[in-house]
């Protein structure tokens, strides 16, 4: 697959890289890292990173804004996105050829060329592996690409704490830090939070409901988010804070938006993406998500999670 992807990249003069909606550091890292590699390697080509701007990730880069006609005859690459519904910017359909690069379970094999590796810690890890594969054929990695890919790996491994972290992950990260960027500055920007978000974090730690079977639930309503002046994207940054609770097996955050409720599932063992799939979502075995329309559905999600952890699902 890597050879087919490199062949396509060499053939096309315009390359447009997409990622998923509600992006995280790996979405930005893999997308931006690939774009930087391609710009460095093929300066004569027209290469863009597109998608809705996410202010919390401005420390990584700002997406390009392009017109529809740019897609004519273009190669489109989608990074870190399991299903087509979650691709940010539906214009991905307007290109001539579509490539999928992802590390989530391949529940929806869209695209003309697919490279899916569920053993990879992150899509950013895959992009670095693609560079290693192609460097004998002209691929080049600059400092900015290294910074973005390192950030993506750090983000999706929880600073190398998640089980998805492998020996290969550490090797790649160790190679990336030889490039010229400040890890200290990067970590500060990745993990520092505004005071209002810190206060909401305090509320979460004081108010989460911990059930006897090791399941916990957090409900963040519109009213609560307004009270703390935190938007749903910022609130999602707090999903991992319950991971330090002794006896925790799995937990769910319900984060209300104007027209839906975000479901954020995390686990220390039970495979929770099967719960997400029941509600038209998906994700990794230990980190998944979905969207629902009512608090009644939230009760259904919690019931399914409880059944899973109790071994009855």
C-alpha atoms as a PDB file:
ATOM      1  CA  UNK A   1       0.000   0.000   0.000  1.00  0.00           C
ATOM      2  CA  UNK A   2       2.814   2.416   0.794  1.00  0.00           C
ATOM      3  CA  UNK A   3       4.250   1.889  -2.680  1.00  0.00           C
ATOM      4  CA  UNK A   4       0.854   2.543  -4.303  1.00  0.00           C
ATOM      5  CA  UNK A   5       0.416   5.711  -2.240  1.00  0.00           C
ATOM      6  CA  UNK A   6       3.852   7.010  -3.182  1.00  0.00           C
ATOM      7  CA  UNK A   7       3.218   6.253  -6.852  1.00  0.00           C
ATOM      8  CA  UNK A   8      -0.038   8.229  -6.724  1.00  0.00           C
ATOM      9  CA  UNK A   9       1.658  11.156  -4.988  1.00  0.00           C
ATOM     10  CA  UNK A  10       4.290  11.278  -7.722  1.00  0.00           C
ATOM     11  CA  UNK A  11       1.626  11.241 -10.441  1.00  0.00           C
ATOM     12  CA  UNK A  12      -0.520  14.140  -9.212  1.00  0.00           C
ATOM     13  CA  UNK A  13       0.342  17.828  -9.309  1.00  0.00           C
ATOM     14  CA  UNK A  14      -2.316  18.823  -6.747  1.00  0.00           C
ATOM     15  CA  UNK A  15      -2.670  16.939  -3.463  1.00  0.00           C
ATOM     16  CA  UNK A  16      -5.278  17.815  -0.838  1.00  0.00           C
ATOM     17  CA  UNK A  17      -5.105  16.225   2.613  1.00  0.00           C
ATOM     18  CA  UNK A  18      -8.175  15.906   4.857  1.00  0.00           C
ATOM     19  CA  UNK A  19      -8.763  14.579   8.407  1.00  0.00           C
ATOM     20  CA  UNK A  20     -11.724  13.977  10.679  1.00  0.00           C
ATOM     21  CA  UNK A  21     -14.190  16.402  12.232  1.00  0.00           C
ATOM     22  CA  UNK A  22     -13.614  17.490  15.845  1.00  0.00           C
ATOM     23  CA  UNK A  23      -9.882  16.965  15.369  1.00  0.00           C
ATOM     24  CA  UNK A  24      -7.377  15.928  17.998  1.00  0.00           C
ATOM     25  CA  UNK A  25      -3.556  16.256  17.883  1.00  0.00           C
ATOM     26  CA  UNK A  26      -3.185  13.047  15.865  1.00  0.00           C
ATOM     27  CA  UNK A  27      -5.643  14.260  13.233  1.00  0.00           C
ATOM     28  CA  UNK A  28      -3.709  17.515  12.867  1.00  0.00           C
ATOM     29  CA  UNK A  29      -0.343  15.825  13.330  1.00  0.00           C
ATOM     30  CA  UNK A  30      -0.809  13.185  10.629  1.00  0.00           C
ATOM     31  CA  UNK A  31      -2.452  15.620   8.216  1.00  0.00           C
ATOM     32  CA  UNK A  32       0.018  18.438   8.736  1.00  0.00           C
ATOM     33  CA  UNK A  33       3.013  16.123   8.997  1.00  0.00           C
ATOM     34  CA  UNK A  34       2.183  14.510   5.666  1.00  0.00           C
ATOM     35  CA  UNK A  35       1.667  17.897   4.007  1.00  0.00           C
ATOM     36  CA  UNK A  36       5.040  19.136   5.300  1.00  0.00           C
ATOM     37  CA  UNK A  37       6.792  15.994   4.061  1.00  0.00           C
ATOM     38  CA  UNK A  38       5.236  16.359   0.621  1.00  0.00           C
ATOM     39  CA  UNK A  39       5.971  20.086   0.375  1.00  0.00           C
ATOM     40  CA  UNK A  40       9.594  19.461   1.336  1.00  0.00           C
ATOM     41  CA  UNK A  41       9.911  16.547  -1.076  1.00  0.00           C
ATOM     42  CA  UNK A  42       7.971  17.970  -4.047  1.00  0.00           C
ATOM     43  CA  UNK A  43       8.228  21.784  -3.929  1.00  0.00           C
ATOM     44  CA  UNK A  44       6.839  22.042  -7.460  1.00  0.00           C
ATOM     45  CA  UNK A  45       3.485  20.462  -6.483  1.00  0.00           C
ATOM     46  CA  UNK A  46       0.409  22.189  -5.027  1.00  0.00           C
ATOM     47  CA  UNK A  47      -0.273  20.646  -1.612  1.00  0.00           C
ATOM     48  CA  UNK A  48      -2.932  21.668   0.906  1.00  0.00           C
ATOM     49  CA  UNK A  49      -4.242  20.717   4.364  1.00  0.00           C
ATOM     50  CA  UNK A  50      -7.961  21.488   4.615  1.00  0.00           C
ATOM     51  CA  UNK A  51     -10.769  21.254   7.154  1.00  0.00           C
ATOM     52  CA  UNK A  52     -12.639  23.395   9.628  1.00  0.00           C
ATOM     53  CA  UNK A  53     -10.312  25.487  11.751  1.00  0.00           C
ATOM     54  CA  UNK A  54      -9.931  24.299  15.363  1.00  0.00           C
ATOM     55  CA  UNK A  55      -8.687  27.123  17.643  1.00  0.00           C
ATOM     56  CA  UNK A  56      -7.462  24.735  20.374  1.00  0.00           C
ATOM     57  CA  UNK A  57      -4.965  23.318  17.852  1.00  0.00           C
ATOM     58  CA  UNK A  58      -3.611  26.586  16.470  1.00  0.00           C
ATOM     59  CA  UNK A  59      -0.261  25.782  18.083  1.00  0.00           C
ATOM     60  CA  UNK A  60       0.087  23.038  15.453  1.00  0.00           C
ATOM     61  CA  UNK A  61      -0.977  24.856  12.259  1.00  0.00           C
ATOM     62  CA  UNK A  62      -3.884  26.646  10.594  1.00  0.00           C
ATOM     63  CA  UNK A  63      -5.667  24.778   7.747  1.00  0.00           C
ATOM     64  CA  UNK A  64      -5.591  26.093   4.205  1.00  0.00           C
ATOM     65  CA  UNK A  65      -8.639  27.678   2.585  1.00  0.00           C
ATOM     66  CA  UNK A  66      -9.065  26.621  -1.043  1.00  0.00           C
ATOM     67  CA  UNK A  67     -11.708  26.980  -3.763  1.00  0.00           C
ATOM     68  CA  UNK A  68     -13.726  24.095  -5.150  1.00  0.00           C
ATOM     69  CA  UNK A  69     -11.969  24.185  -8.502  1.00  0.00           C
ATOM     70  CA  UNK A  70      -8.678  23.182  -6.852  1.00  0.00           C
ATOM     71  CA  UNK A  71     -10.125  19.684  -6.477  1.00  0.00           C
ATOM     72  CA  UNK A  72     -10.395  19.193 -10.233  1.00  0.00           C
ATOM     73  CA  UNK A  73      -7.955  16.434 -11.161  1.00  0.00           C
ATOM     74  CA  UNK A  74      -6.523  16.356  -7.622  1.00  0.00           C
ATOM     75  CA  UNK A  75      -5.368  13.510  -5.399  1.00  0.00           C
ATOM     76  CA  UNK A  76      -7.207  13.521  -2.063  1.00  0.00           C
ATOM     77  CA  UNK A  77      -5.715  11.802   1.003  1.00  0.00           C
ATOM     78  CA  UNK A  78      -7.741  11.365   4.200  1.00  0.00           C
ATOM     79  CA  UNK A  79      -5.812  10.789   7.427  1.00  0.00           C
ATOM     80  CA  UNK A  80      -6.969   9.335  10.741  1.00  0.00           C
ATOM     81  CA  UNK A  81     -10.629   8.925   9.766  1.00  0.00           C
ATOM     82  CA  UNK A  82     -12.357   5.543  10.060  1.00  0.00           C
ATOM     83  CA  UNK A  83     -15.613   6.294   8.264  1.00  0.00           C
ATOM     84  CA  UNK A  84     -16.519   8.689   5.470  1.00  0.00           C
ATOM     85  CA  UNK A  85     -19.217  10.389   7.531  1.00  0.00           C
ATOM     86  CA  UNK A  86     -16.530  11.841   9.825  1.00  0.00           C
ATOM     87  CA  UNK A  87     -14.323  13.309   7.095  1.00  0.00           C
ATOM     88  CA  UNK A  88     -14.066  17.054   7.625  1.00  0.00           C
ATOM     89  CA  UNK A  89     -15.020  18.981   4.459  1.00  0.00           C
ATOM     90  CA  UNK A  90     -17.242  16.920   2.168  1.00  0.00           C
ATOM     91  CA  UNK A  91     -15.405  18.220  -0.873  1.00  0.00           C
ATOM     92  CA  UNK A  92     -13.095  15.209  -0.511  1.00  0.00           C
ATOM     93  CA  UNK A  93     -15.495  13.574  -3.016  1.00  0.00           C
ATOM     94  CA  UNK A  94     -14.562  16.133  -5.693  1.00  0.00           C
ATOM     95  CA  UNK A  95     -11.024  14.868  -6.281  1.00  0.00           C
ATOM     96  CA  UNK A  96      -9.963  12.427  -8.987  1.00  0.00           C
ATOM     97  CA  UNK A  97      -8.500   9.777  -6.672  1.00  0.00           C
ATOM     98  CA  UNK A  98      -9.036   9.078  -2.954  1.00  0.00           C
ATOM     99  CA  UNK A  99      -6.600   7.484  -0.483  1.00  0.00           C
ATOM    100  CA  UNK A 100      -7.395   6.452   3.083  1.00  0.00           C
ATOM    101  CA  UNK A 101      -4.606   6.275   5.701  1.00  0.00           C
ATOM    102  CA  UNK A 102      -5.848   5.255   9.134  1.00  0.00           C
ATOM    103  CA  UNK A 103      -5.180   3.225  12.270  1.00  0.00           C
ATOM    104  CA  UNK A 104      -8.777   2.681  13.424  1.00  0.00           C
ATOM    105  CA  UNK A 105     -10.648  -0.588  12.783  1.00  0.00           C
ATOM    106  CA  UNK A 106     -11.538  -0.631   9.093  1.00  0.00           C
ATOM    107  CA  UNK A 107     -15.319  -0.732   9.500  1.00  0.00           C
ATOM    108  CA  UNK A 108     -15.843   1.332   6.338  1.00  0.00           C
ATOM    109  CA  UNK A 109     -13.233   0.698   3.634  1.00  0.00           C
ATOM    110  CA  UNK A 110     -13.766   3.855   1.535  1.00  0.00           C
ATOM    111  CA  UNK A 111     -11.356   5.158  -1.084  1.00  0.00           C
ATOM    112  CA  UNK A 112      -9.473   3.887  -4.132  1.00  0.00           C
ATOM    113  CA  UNK A 113      -6.364   2.987  -2.116  1.00  0.00           C
ATOM    114  CA  UNK A 114      -6.519   2.032   1.573  1.00  0.00           C
ATOM    115  CA  UNK A 115      -3.687   1.692   4.068  1.00  0.00           C
ATOM    116  CA  UNK A 116      -5.100   0.728   7.468  1.00  0.00           C
ATOM    117  CA  UNK A 117      -2.856  -0.473  10.299  1.00  0.00           C
ATOM    118  CA  UNK A 118      -4.702  -1.063  13.571  1.00  0.00           C
ATOM    119  CA  UNK A 119      -1.425  -2.004  15.294  1.00  0.00           C
ATOM    120  CA  UNK A 120      -0.111   1.555  14.910  1.00  0.00           C
ATOM    121  CA  UNK A 121      -0.346   3.803  17.953  1.00  0.00           C
ATOM    122  CA  UNK A 122      -1.479   6.706  15.803  1.00  0.00           C
ATOM    123  CA  UNK A 123      -1.901   7.833  12.240  1.00  0.00           C
ATOM    124  CA  UNK A 124       1.090  10.100  12.820  1.00  0.00           C
ATOM    125  CA  UNK A 125       3.191   6.999  13.479  1.00  0.00           C
ATOM    126  CA  UNK A 126       2.021   5.635  10.124  1.00  0.00           C
ATOM    127  CA  UNK A 127       2.988   8.844   8.318  1.00  0.00           C
ATOM    128  CA  UNK A 128       6.490   8.643   9.782  1.00  0.00           C
ATOM    129  CA  UNK A 129       6.665   5.018   8.669  1.00  0.00           C
ATOM    130  CA  UNK A 130       5.611   6.140   5.197  1.00  0.00           C
ATOM    131  CA  UNK A 131       8.478   8.636   5.198  1.00  0.00           C
ATOM    132  CA  UNK A 132      10.953   5.894   6.206  1.00  0.00           C
ATOM    133  CA  UNK A 133       9.637   3.727   3.383  1.00  0.00           C
ATOM    134  CA  UNK A 134       9.970   6.495   0.810  1.00  0.00           C
ATOM    135  CA  UNK A 135      13.120   8.346   1.856  1.00  0.00           C
ATOM    136  CA  UNK A 136      15.227   6.296  -0.603  1.00  0.00           C
ATOM    137  CA  UNK A 137      12.821   7.459  -3.310  1.00  0.00           C
ATOM    138  CA  UNK A 138      13.036  11.155  -2.507  1.00  0.00           C
ATOM    139  CA  UNK A 139      10.834  11.759   0.532  1.00  0.00           C
ATOM    140  CA  UNK A 140      12.235  14.364   2.927  1.00  0.00           C
ATOM    141  CA  UNK A 141      11.310  15.169   6.516  1.00  0.00           C
ATOM    142  CA  UNK A 142      11.792  18.707   7.836  1.00  0.00           C
ATOM    143  CA  UNK A 143      11.698  20.034  11.402  1.00  0.00           C
ATOM    144  CA  UNK A 144       8.058  21.117  11.172  1.00  0.00           C
ATOM    145  CA  UNK A 145       6.944  17.700   9.954  1.00  0.00           C
ATOM    146  CA  UNK A 146       8.834  16.096  12.831  1.00  0.00           C
ATOM    147  CA  UNK A 147       7.194  18.445  15.350  1.00  0.00           C
ATOM    148  CA  UNK A 148       3.707  17.705  14.053  1.00  0.00           C
ATOM    149  CA  UNK A 149       4.191  13.941  13.882  1.00  0.00           C
ATOM    150  CA  UNK A 150       5.705  13.849  17.364  1.00  0.00           C
ATOM    151  CA  UNK A 151       2.732  15.820  18.699  1.00  0.00           C
ATOM    152  CA  UNK A 152       0.323  13.413  17.018  1.00  0.00           C
ATOM    153  CA  UNK A 153       2.040  10.385  18.513  1.00  0.00           C
ATOM    154  CA  UNK A 154       2.157  11.954  21.975  1.00  0.00           C
ATOM    155  CA  UNK A 155      -1.512  12.908  21.766  1.00  0.00           C
ATOM    156  CA  UNK A 156      -2.851   9.516  20.692  1.00  0.00           C
ATOM    157  CA  UNK A 157      -0.679   7.552  23.131  1.00  0.00           C
ATOM    158  CA  UNK A 158      -1.540   9.735  26.131  1.00  0.00           C
ATOM    159  CA  UNK A 159       2.117  10.670  26.499  1.00  0.00           C
ATOM    160  CA  UNK A 160       3.096   7.028  25.856  1.00  0.00           C
ATOM    161  CA  UNK A 161       0.865   5.661  28.640  1.00  0.00           C
ATOM    162  CA  UNK A 162      -1.819   3.955  26.521  1.00  0.00           C
ATOM    163  CA  UNK A 163      -1.550   0.233  25.644  1.00  0.00           C
ATOM    164  CA  UNK A 164      -1.317   1.142  21.952  1.00  0.00           C
ATOM    165  CA  UNK A 165       2.246   2.350  22.609  1.00  0.00           C
ATOM    166  CA  UNK A 166       4.702  -0.206  21.221  1.00  0.00           C
ATOM    167  CA  UNK A 167       8.454  -0.579  20.955  1.00  0.00           C
ATOM    168  CA  UNK A 168       8.185   0.831  17.440  1.00  0.00           C
ATOM    169  CA  UNK A 169       6.365   3.878  18.816  1.00  0.00           C
ATOM    170  CA  UNK A 170       9.260   4.644  21.165  1.00  0.00           C
ATOM    171  CA  UNK A 171      11.807   4.107  18.392  1.00  0.00           C
ATOM    172  CA  UNK A 172      10.015   6.490  16.048  1.00  0.00           C
ATOM    173  CA  UNK A 173       9.529   9.107  18.779  1.00  0.00           C
ATOM    174  CA  UNK A 174      13.208   8.809  19.659  1.00  0.00           C
ATOM    175  CA  UNK A 175      14.150   9.499  16.049  1.00  0.00           C
ATOM    176  CA  UNK A 176      11.771  12.442  15.732  1.00  0.00           C
ATOM    177  CA  UNK A 177      13.194  14.283  18.753  1.00  0.00           C
ATOM    178  CA  UNK A 178      16.536  14.598  16.931  1.00  0.00           C
ATOM    179  CA  UNK A 179      14.919  17.266  14.745  1.00  0.00           C
ATOM    180  CA  UNK A 180      14.964  20.914  15.728  1.00  0.00           C
ATOM    181  CA  UNK A 181      11.850  21.734  17.754  1.00  0.00           C
ATOM    182  CA  UNK A 182      11.208  22.404  21.423  1.00  0.00           C
ATOM    183  CA  UNK A 183       9.490  19.521  23.205  1.00  0.00           C
ATOM    184  CA  UNK A 184       9.009  21.692  26.274  1.00  0.00           C
ATOM    185  CA  UNK A 185       7.188  24.360  24.303  1.00  0.00           C
ATOM    186  CA  UNK A 186       5.132  21.717  22.494  1.00  0.00           C
ATOM    187  CA  UNK A 187       4.083  19.956  25.726  1.00  0.00           C
ATOM    188  CA  UNK A 188       3.156  23.274  27.323  1.00  0.00           C
ATOM    189  CA  UNK A 189       0.851  24.125  24.442  1.00  0.00           C
ATOM    190  CA  UNK A 190      -0.628  20.636  24.270  1.00  0.00           C
ATOM    191  CA  UNK A 191      -1.525  20.316  27.941  1.00  0.00           C
ATOM    192  CA  UNK A 192      -1.959  23.777  29.400  1.00  0.00           C
ATOM    193  CA  UNK A 193      -5.616  24.687  30.049  1.00  0.00           C
ATOM    194  CA  UNK A 194      -7.456  27.958  30.519  1.00  0.00           C
ATOM    195  CA  UNK A 195      -8.524  28.682  34.130  1.00  0.00           C
ATOM    196  CA  UNK A 196     -12.219  28.138  33.344  1.00  0.00           C
ATOM    197  CA  UNK A 197     -11.464  24.668  31.948  1.00  0.00           C
ATOM    198  CA  UNK A 198      -9.426  23.851  35.049  1.00  0.00           C
ATOM    199  CA  UNK A 199     -12.430  24.815  37.179  1.00  0.00           C
ATOM    200  CA  UNK A 200     -14.649  22.540  35.096  1.00  0.00           C
ATOM    201  CA  UNK A 201     -12.076  19.793  35.627  1.00  0.00           C
ATOM    202  CA  UNK A 202     -12.506  20.307  39.364  1.00  0.00           C
ATOM    203  CA  UNK A 203     -16.254  19.951  38.956  1.00  0.00           C
ATOM    204  CA  UNK A 204     -15.794  16.701  37.007  1.00  0.00           C
ATOM    205  CA  UNK A 205     -13.527  15.217  39.675  1.00  0.00           C
ATOM    206  CA  UNK A 206     -15.970  16.160  42.425  1.00  0.00           C
ATOM    207  CA  UNK A 207     -19.177  15.195  40.663  1.00  0.00           C
ATOM    208  CA  UNK A 208     -18.615  12.084  38.522  1.00  0.00           C
ATOM    209  CA  UNK A 209     -20.900   9.161  39.329  1.00  0.00           C
ATOM    210  CA  UNK A 210     -18.880   6.039  40.177  1.00  0.00           C
ATOM    211  CA  UNK A 211     -20.826   2.812  40.118  1.00  0.00           C
ATOM    212  CA  UNK A 212     -19.995  -0.380  41.994  1.00  0.00           C
ATOM    213  CA  UNK A 213     -19.025  -2.316  38.861  1.00  0.00           C
ATOM    214  CA  UNK A 214     -16.232   0.114  37.968  1.00  0.00           C
ATOM    215  CA  UNK A 215     -18.218   2.245  35.505  1.00  0.00           C
ATOM    216  CA  UNK A 216     -18.355   6.026  35.823  1.00  0.00           C
ATOM    217  CA  UNK A 217     -20.445   8.662  34.092  1.00  0.00           C
ATOM    218  CA  UNK A 218     -20.104  12.423  33.642  1.00  0.00           C
ATOM    219  CA  UNK A 219     -22.926  14.571  32.271  1.00  0.00           C
ATOM    220  CA  UNK A 220     -22.032  18.044  31.037  1.00  0.00           C
ATOM    221  CA  UNK A 221     -25.177  19.910  30.038  1.00  0.00           C
ATOM    222  CA  UNK A 222     -25.420  23.112  28.022  1.00  0.00           C
ATOM    223  CA  UNK A 223     -26.277  24.997  31.209  1.00  0.00           C
ATOM    224  CA  UNK A 224     -23.189  23.672  32.978  1.00  0.00           C
ATOM    225  CA  UNK A 225     -20.905  24.485  30.055  1.00  0.00           C
ATOM    226  CA  UNK A 226     -22.362  27.995  29.913  1.00  0.00           C
ATOM    227  CA  UNK A 227     -21.762  28.392  33.632  1.00  0.00           C
ATOM    228  CA  UNK A 228     -18.061  27.601  33.199  1.00  0.00           C
ATOM    229  CA  UNK A 229     -17.870  29.345  29.798  1.00  0.00           C
ATOM    230  CA  UNK A 230     -16.465  26.206  28.184  1.00  0.00           C
ATOM    231  CA  UNK A 231     -17.453  24.958  24.734  1.00  0.00           C
ATOM    232  CA  UNK A 232     -17.994  21.243  23.934  1.00  0.00           C
ATOM    233  CA  UNK A 233     -14.633  20.898  22.181  1.00  0.00           C
ATOM    234  CA  UNK A 234     -12.812  22.277  25.206  1.00  0.00           C
ATOM    235  CA  UNK A 235     -14.854  20.053  27.525  1.00  0.00           C
ATOM    236  CA  UNK A 236     -13.749  17.019  25.510  1.00  0.00           C
ATOM    237  CA  UNK A 237     -10.165  17.715  26.598  1.00  0.00           C
ATOM    238  CA  UNK A 238     -11.131  16.479  30.062  1.00  0.00           C
ATOM    239  CA  UNK A 239     -12.289  13.000  29.072  1.00  0.00           C
ATOM    240  CA  UNK A 240      -9.081  11.335  30.258  1.00  0.00           C
ATOM    241  CA  UNK A 241      -9.052  12.775  33.778  1.00  0.00           C
ATOM    242  CA  UNK A 242     -10.869   9.800  35.302  1.00  0.00           C
ATOM    243  CA  UNK A 243      -8.171   7.375  34.232  1.00  0.00           C
ATOM    244  CA  UNK A 244      -6.370   7.783  37.558  1.00  0.00           C
ATOM    245  CA  UNK A 245      -9.347   6.633  39.644  1.00  0.00           C
ATOM    246  CA  UNK A 246      -8.647   3.351  41.449  1.00  0.00           C
ATOM    247  CA  UNK A 247     -11.066   0.607  40.476  1.00  0.00           C
ATOM    248  CA  UNK A 248     -12.128   2.331  37.274  1.00  0.00           C
ATOM    249  CA  UNK A 249     -12.840  -0.039  34.387  1.00  0.00           C
ATOM    250  CA  UNK A 250     -14.644   2.195  31.904  1.00  0.00           C
ATOM    251  CA  UNK A 251     -16.278   5.608  31.807  1.00  0.00           C
ATOM    252  CA  UNK A 252     -18.416   7.784  29.611  1.00  0.00           C
ATOM    253  CA  UNK A 253     -18.696  11.559  29.183  1.00  0.00           C
ATOM    254  CA  UNK A 254     -21.932  12.983  27.810  1.00  0.00           C
ATOM    255  CA  UNK A 255     -21.253  16.482  26.484  1.00  0.00           C
ATOM    256  CA  UNK A 256     -24.322  18.373  25.328  1.00  0.00           C
ATOM    257  CA  UNK A 257     -24.320  20.550  22.226  1.00  0.00           C
ATOM    258  CA  UNK A 258     -27.139  22.575  20.670  1.00  0.00           C
ATOM    259  CA  UNK A 259     -28.425  19.767  18.450  1.00  0.00           C
ATOM    260  CA  UNK A 260     -26.833  16.600  19.829  1.00  0.00           C
ATOM    261  CA  UNK A 261     -24.950  15.025  22.718  1.00  0.00           C
ATOM    262  CA  UNK A 262     -21.385  13.905  22.242  1.00  0.00           C
ATOM    263  CA  UNK A 263     -20.565  10.507  23.734  1.00  0.00           C
ATOM    264  CA  UNK A 264     -16.940   9.973  24.779  1.00  0.00           C
ATOM    265  CA  UNK A 265     -16.090   6.449  25.961  1.00  0.00           C
ATOM    266  CA  UNK A 266     -12.843   5.357  27.612  1.00  0.00           C
ATOM    267  CA  UNK A 267     -11.739   2.034  29.076  1.00  0.00           C
ATOM    268  CA  UNK A 268      -8.959   0.332  30.998  1.00  0.00           C
ATOM    269  CA  UNK A 269      -9.761  -3.070  29.553  1.00  0.00           C
ATOM    270  CA  UNK A 270     -13.265  -3.756  28.231  1.00  0.00           C
ATOM    271  CA  UNK A 271     -13.536  -3.253  24.461  1.00  0.00           C
ATOM    272  CA  UNK A 272     -15.860  -0.266  24.257  1.00  0.00           C
ATOM    273  CA  UNK A 273     -15.977   0.493  20.545  1.00  0.00           C
ATOM    274  CA  UNK A 274     -18.692  -2.166  20.264  1.00  0.00           C
ATOM    275  CA  UNK A 275     -20.847   0.070  22.482  1.00  0.00           C
ATOM    276  CA  UNK A 276     -20.074   3.079  20.294  1.00  0.00           C
ATOM    277  CA  UNK A 277     -21.037   1.151  17.161  1.00  0.00           C
ATOM    278  CA  UNK A 278     -24.485   0.422  18.613  1.00  0.00           C
ATOM    279  CA  UNK A 279     -25.053   4.196  18.497  1.00  0.00           C
ATOM    280  CA  UNK A 280     -23.594   4.802  15.012  1.00  0.00           C
ATOM    281  CA  UNK A 281     -20.175   5.652  16.396  1.00  0.00           C
ATOM    282  CA  UNK A 282     -16.849   3.869  16.524  1.00  0.00           C
ATOM    283  CA  UNK A 283     -13.220   4.204  17.437  1.00  0.00           C
ATOM    284  CA  UNK A 284     -10.494   2.222  19.142  1.00  0.00           C
ATOM    285  CA  UNK A 285     -11.050  -0.710  21.524  1.00  0.00           C
ATOM    286  CA  UNK A 286     -10.257   1.476  24.559  1.00  0.00           C
ATOM    287  CA  UNK A 287     -11.227   4.932  23.259  1.00  0.00           C
ATOM    288  CA  UNK A 288     -14.363   5.473  21.216  1.00  0.00           C
ATOM    289  CA  UNK A 289     -17.189   7.907  20.629  1.00  0.00           C
ATOM    290  CA  UNK A 290     -20.620   8.512  19.161  1.00  0.00           C
ATOM    291  CA  UNK A 291     -23.328  11.161  18.907  1.00  0.00           C
ATOM    292  CA  UNK A 292     -26.858  10.832  20.277  1.00  0.00           C
ATOM    293  CA  UNK A 293     -29.928  13.060  20.200  1.00  0.00           C
ATOM    294  CA  UNK A 294     -31.452  12.862  23.691  1.00  0.00           C
ATOM    295  CA  UNK A 295     -30.740  12.181  27.346  1.00  0.00           C
ATOM    296  CA  UNK A 296     -32.962   9.094  27.068  1.00  0.00           C
ATOM    297  CA  UNK A 297     -30.424   7.725  24.618  1.00  0.00           C
ATOM    298  CA  UNK A 298     -27.685   8.600  27.109  1.00  0.00           C
ATOM    299  CA  UNK A 299     -29.376   6.218  29.557  1.00  0.00           C
ATOM    300  CA  UNK A 300     -29.307   3.542  26.860  1.00  0.00           C
ATOM    301  CA  UNK A 301     -25.572   4.105  26.279  1.00  0.00           C
ATOM    302  CA  UNK A 302     -24.862   3.822  29.990  1.00  0.00           C
ATOM    303  CA  UNK A 303     -26.907   0.632  30.221  1.00  0.00           C
ATOM    304  CA  UNK A 304     -24.942  -0.909  27.350  1.00  0.00           C
ATOM    305  CA  UNK A 305     -21.663   0.116  28.972  1.00  0.00           C
ATOM    306  CA  UNK A 306     -22.733  -1.451  32.260  1.00  0.00           C
ATOM    307  CA  UNK A 307     -23.698  -4.675  30.485  1.00  0.00           C
ATOM    308  CA  UNK A 308     -20.344  -4.754  28.736  1.00  0.00           C
ATOM    309  CA  UNK A 309     -18.310  -4.263  31.895  1.00  0.00           C
ATOM    310  CA  UNK A 310     -20.476  -6.757  33.791  1.00  0.00           C
ATOM    311  CA  UNK A 311     -19.885  -9.334  31.068  1.00  0.00           C
ATOM    312  CA  UNK A 312     -23.495  -9.634  29.928  1.00  0.00           C
ATOM    313  CA  UNK A 313     -23.197  -7.898  26.550  1.00  0.00           C
END
